[in-house]
């Protein structure tokens, strides 16, 4: 039997967490990390432009 540094309960908890976490949550976390740590001013300008384009389309659809 393999010995682990973590308990069986902890391994089950991690496994359940990973199964429940959606891909959207994963991508959202990655996007936030990129913005906080790596994005340049040009990156942010492009991201804001993309967001505004998509957001404007959603507003027009709702009206």
N, C-alpha and C. Protein backbone atom coordinates (compact mmCIF):
# COMPACT_ATOMS: atom_id res chain seq x y z
N UNK A 1 0.83 -1.17 0.00
CA UNK A 1 0.00 0.00 0.00
C UNK A 1 0.88 1.24 0.00
N UNK A 2 0.49 2.24 -0.79
CA UNK A 2 1.26 3.47 -0.88
C UNK A 2 0.92 4.39 0.28
N UNK A 3 1.95 4.97 0.86
CA UNK A 3 1.71 5.92 1.95
C UNK A 3 1.70 7.33 1.38
N UNK A 4 0.71 8.10 1.82
CA UNK A 4 0.56 9.48 1.38
C UNK A 4 0.83 10.42 2.55
N UNK A 5 1.22 11.64 2.22
CA UNK A 5 1.42 12.65 3.26
C UNK A 5 0.10 13.28 3.67
N UNK A 6 -0.92 13.13 2.84
CA UNK A 6 -2.24 13.66 3.17
C UNK A 6 -3.17 12.52 3.55
N UNK A 7 -4.17 12.86 4.32
CA UNK A 7 -5.12 11.84 4.76
C UNK A 7 -6.05 11.44 3.62
N UNK A 8 -6.67 10.31 3.78
CA UNK A 8 -7.64 9.83 2.79
C UNK A 8 -8.79 10.84 2.65
N UNK A 9 -9.25 11.39 3.76
CA UNK A 9 -10.33 12.37 3.72
C UNK A 9 -9.92 13.61 2.93
N UNK A 10 -8.69 14.05 3.09
CA UNK A 10 -8.21 15.22 2.37
C UNK A 10 -8.13 14.93 0.87
N UNK A 11 -7.67 13.76 0.50
CA UNK A 11 -7.59 13.39 -0.92
C UNK A 11 -8.98 13.32 -1.53
N UNK A 12 -9.96 12.78 -0.78
CA UNK A 12 -11.34 12.74 -1.29
C UNK A 12 -11.90 14.15 -1.45
N UNK A 13 -11.61 15.02 -0.49
CA UNK A 13 -12.11 16.40 -0.56
C UNK A 13 -11.54 17.12 -1.78
N UNK A 14 -10.27 16.95 -2.04
CA UNK A 14 -9.64 17.57 -3.21
C UNK A 14 -10.25 17.02 -4.49
N UNK A 15 -10.44 15.73 -4.55
CA UNK A 15 -11.03 15.10 -5.73
C UNK A 15 -12.44 15.64 -5.98
N UNK A 16 -13.25 15.75 -4.94
CA UNK A 16 -14.61 16.28 -5.08
C UNK A 16 -14.59 17.73 -5.54
N UNK A 17 -13.69 18.53 -4.99
CA UNK A 17 -13.56 19.93 -5.38
C UNK A 17 -13.22 20.04 -6.86
N UNK A 18 -12.27 19.27 -7.31
CA UNK A 18 -11.85 19.33 -8.71
C UNK A 18 -12.96 18.88 -9.65
N UNK A 19 -13.77 17.92 -9.24
CA UNK A 19 -14.86 17.44 -10.07
C UNK A 19 -15.98 18.47 -10.16
N UNK A 20 -16.24 19.20 -9.08
CA UNK A 20 -17.33 20.16 -9.05
C UNK A 20 -16.98 21.48 -9.73
N UNK A 21 -15.72 21.78 -9.81
CA UNK A 21 -15.28 23.05 -10.39
C UNK A 21 -15.45 23.00 -11.90
N UNK A 22 -16.20 23.95 -12.44
CA UNK A 22 -16.48 23.95 -13.87
C UNK A 22 -15.31 24.55 -14.64
N UNK A 23 -15.30 24.31 -15.94
CA UNK A 23 -14.25 24.87 -16.79
C UNK A 23 -14.34 26.39 -16.80
N UNK A 24 -15.55 26.93 -16.73
CA UNK A 24 -15.71 28.38 -16.69
C UNK A 24 -15.05 28.99 -15.47
N UNK A 25 -15.16 28.34 -14.33
CA UNK A 25 -14.50 28.83 -13.12
C UNK A 25 -13.00 28.80 -13.27
N UNK A 26 -12.49 27.76 -13.90
CA UNK A 26 -11.05 27.64 -14.12
C UNK A 26 -10.57 28.76 -15.03
N UNK A 27 -11.29 28.99 -16.13
CA UNK A 27 -10.90 30.04 -17.07
C UNK A 27 -10.99 31.42 -16.45
N UNK A 28 -12.00 31.63 -15.62
CA UNK A 28 -12.16 32.92 -14.96
C UNK A 28 -10.96 33.20 -14.05
N UNK A 29 -10.54 32.20 -13.33
CA UNK A 29 -9.37 32.35 -12.46
C UNK A 29 -8.11 32.65 -13.25
N UNK A 30 -7.95 31.99 -14.36
CA UNK A 30 -6.78 32.22 -15.21
C UNK A 30 -6.80 33.63 -15.77
N UNK A 31 -7.97 34.09 -16.19
CA UNK A 31 -8.09 35.44 -16.74
C UNK A 31 -7.73 36.48 -15.69
N UNK A 32 -8.22 36.30 -14.48
CA UNK A 32 -7.91 37.24 -13.40
C UNK A 32 -6.42 37.26 -13.10
N UNK A 33 -5.79 36.11 -13.09
CA UNK A 33 -4.36 36.04 -12.84
C UNK A 33 -3.59 36.76 -13.93
N UNK A 34 -3.99 36.56 -15.18
CA UNK A 34 -3.33 37.23 -16.30
C UNK A 34 -3.43 38.74 -16.13
N UNK A 35 -4.64 39.23 -15.82
CA UNK A 35 -4.84 40.68 -15.68
C UNK A 35 -4.02 41.22 -14.52
N UNK A 36 -4.03 40.54 -13.41
CA UNK A 36 -3.34 41.04 -12.22
C UNK A 36 -1.82 41.01 -12.33
N UNK A 37 -1.29 39.98 -12.98
CA UNK A 37 0.16 39.78 -12.93
C UNK A 37 0.90 40.06 -14.23
N UNK A 38 0.27 39.84 -15.37
CA UNK A 38 1.03 39.82 -16.61
C UNK A 38 0.59 40.83 -17.66
N UNK A 39 -0.62 41.33 -17.60
CA UNK A 39 -1.17 42.17 -18.67
C UNK A 39 -0.44 43.50 -18.76
N UNK A 40 -0.19 43.91 -19.98
CA UNK A 40 0.38 45.23 -20.24
C UNK A 40 -0.77 46.20 -20.51
N UNK A 41 -0.44 47.45 -20.65
CA UNK A 41 -1.46 48.46 -20.96
C UNK A 41 -2.13 48.12 -22.29
N UNK A 42 -1.33 47.71 -23.27
CA UNK A 42 -1.90 47.34 -24.57
C UNK A 42 -2.83 46.13 -24.45
N UNK A 43 -2.45 45.16 -23.64
CA UNK A 43 -3.31 44.00 -23.41
C UNK A 43 -4.64 44.44 -22.82
N UNK A 44 -4.58 45.33 -21.83
CA UNK A 44 -5.81 45.78 -21.19
C UNK A 44 -6.69 46.57 -22.14
N UNK A 45 -6.08 47.40 -22.98
CA UNK A 45 -6.87 48.15 -23.98
C UNK A 45 -7.61 47.18 -24.88
N UNK A 46 -6.92 46.14 -25.33
CA UNK A 46 -7.54 45.15 -26.21
C UNK A 46 -8.66 44.39 -25.49
N UNK A 47 -8.41 43.99 -24.25
CA UNK A 47 -9.43 43.28 -23.49
C UNK A 47 -10.66 44.15 -23.25
N UNK A 48 -10.45 45.41 -22.92
CA UNK A 48 -11.58 46.32 -22.70
C UNK A 48 -12.37 46.51 -23.99
N UNK A 49 -11.67 46.62 -25.10
CA UNK A 49 -12.35 46.76 -26.39
C UNK A 49 -13.19 45.52 -26.70
N UNK A 50 -12.63 44.35 -26.47
CA UNK A 50 -13.38 43.10 -26.69
C UNK A 50 -14.59 43.05 -25.78
N UNK A 51 -14.41 43.38 -24.51
CA UNK A 51 -15.52 43.37 -23.57
C UNK A 51 -16.61 44.33 -24.00
N UNK A 52 -16.23 45.55 -24.35
CA UNK A 52 -17.22 46.55 -24.76
C UNK A 52 -17.99 46.12 -26.01
N UNK A 53 -17.30 45.51 -26.96
CA UNK A 53 -17.98 45.03 -28.16
C UNK A 53 -19.01 43.97 -27.81
N UNK A 54 -18.64 43.02 -26.97
CA UNK A 54 -19.56 41.95 -26.59
C UNK A 54 -20.69 42.48 -25.72
N UNK A 55 -20.37 43.38 -24.82
CA UNK A 55 -21.38 43.92 -23.91
C UNK A 55 -22.40 44.75 -24.67
N UNK A 56 -21.97 45.53 -25.63
CA UNK A 56 -22.87 46.35 -26.44
C UNK A 56 -23.85 45.46 -27.20
N UNK A 57 -23.38 44.36 -27.73
CA UNK A 57 -24.25 43.45 -28.47
C UNK A 57 -25.32 42.87 -27.54
N UNK A 58 -24.96 42.55 -26.32
CA UNK A 58 -25.93 42.00 -25.37
C UNK A 58 -26.97 43.03 -24.99
N UNK A 59 -26.59 44.28 -24.85
CA UNK A 59 -27.53 45.34 -24.51
C UNK A 59 -28.51 45.54 -25.65
N UNK A 60 -28.03 45.52 -26.89
CA UNK A 60 -28.89 45.72 -28.05
C UNK A 60 -29.90 44.58 -28.18
N UNK A 61 -29.50 43.38 -27.84
CA UNK A 61 -30.40 42.21 -27.92
C UNK A 61 -31.52 42.35 -26.89
N UNK A 62 -31.20 42.81 -25.70
CA UNK A 62 -32.19 42.93 -24.63
C UNK A 62 -33.22 44.00 -24.92
N UNK A 63 -32.86 45.05 -25.62
CA UNK A 63 -33.80 46.14 -25.88
C UNK A 63 -34.70 45.78 -26.97
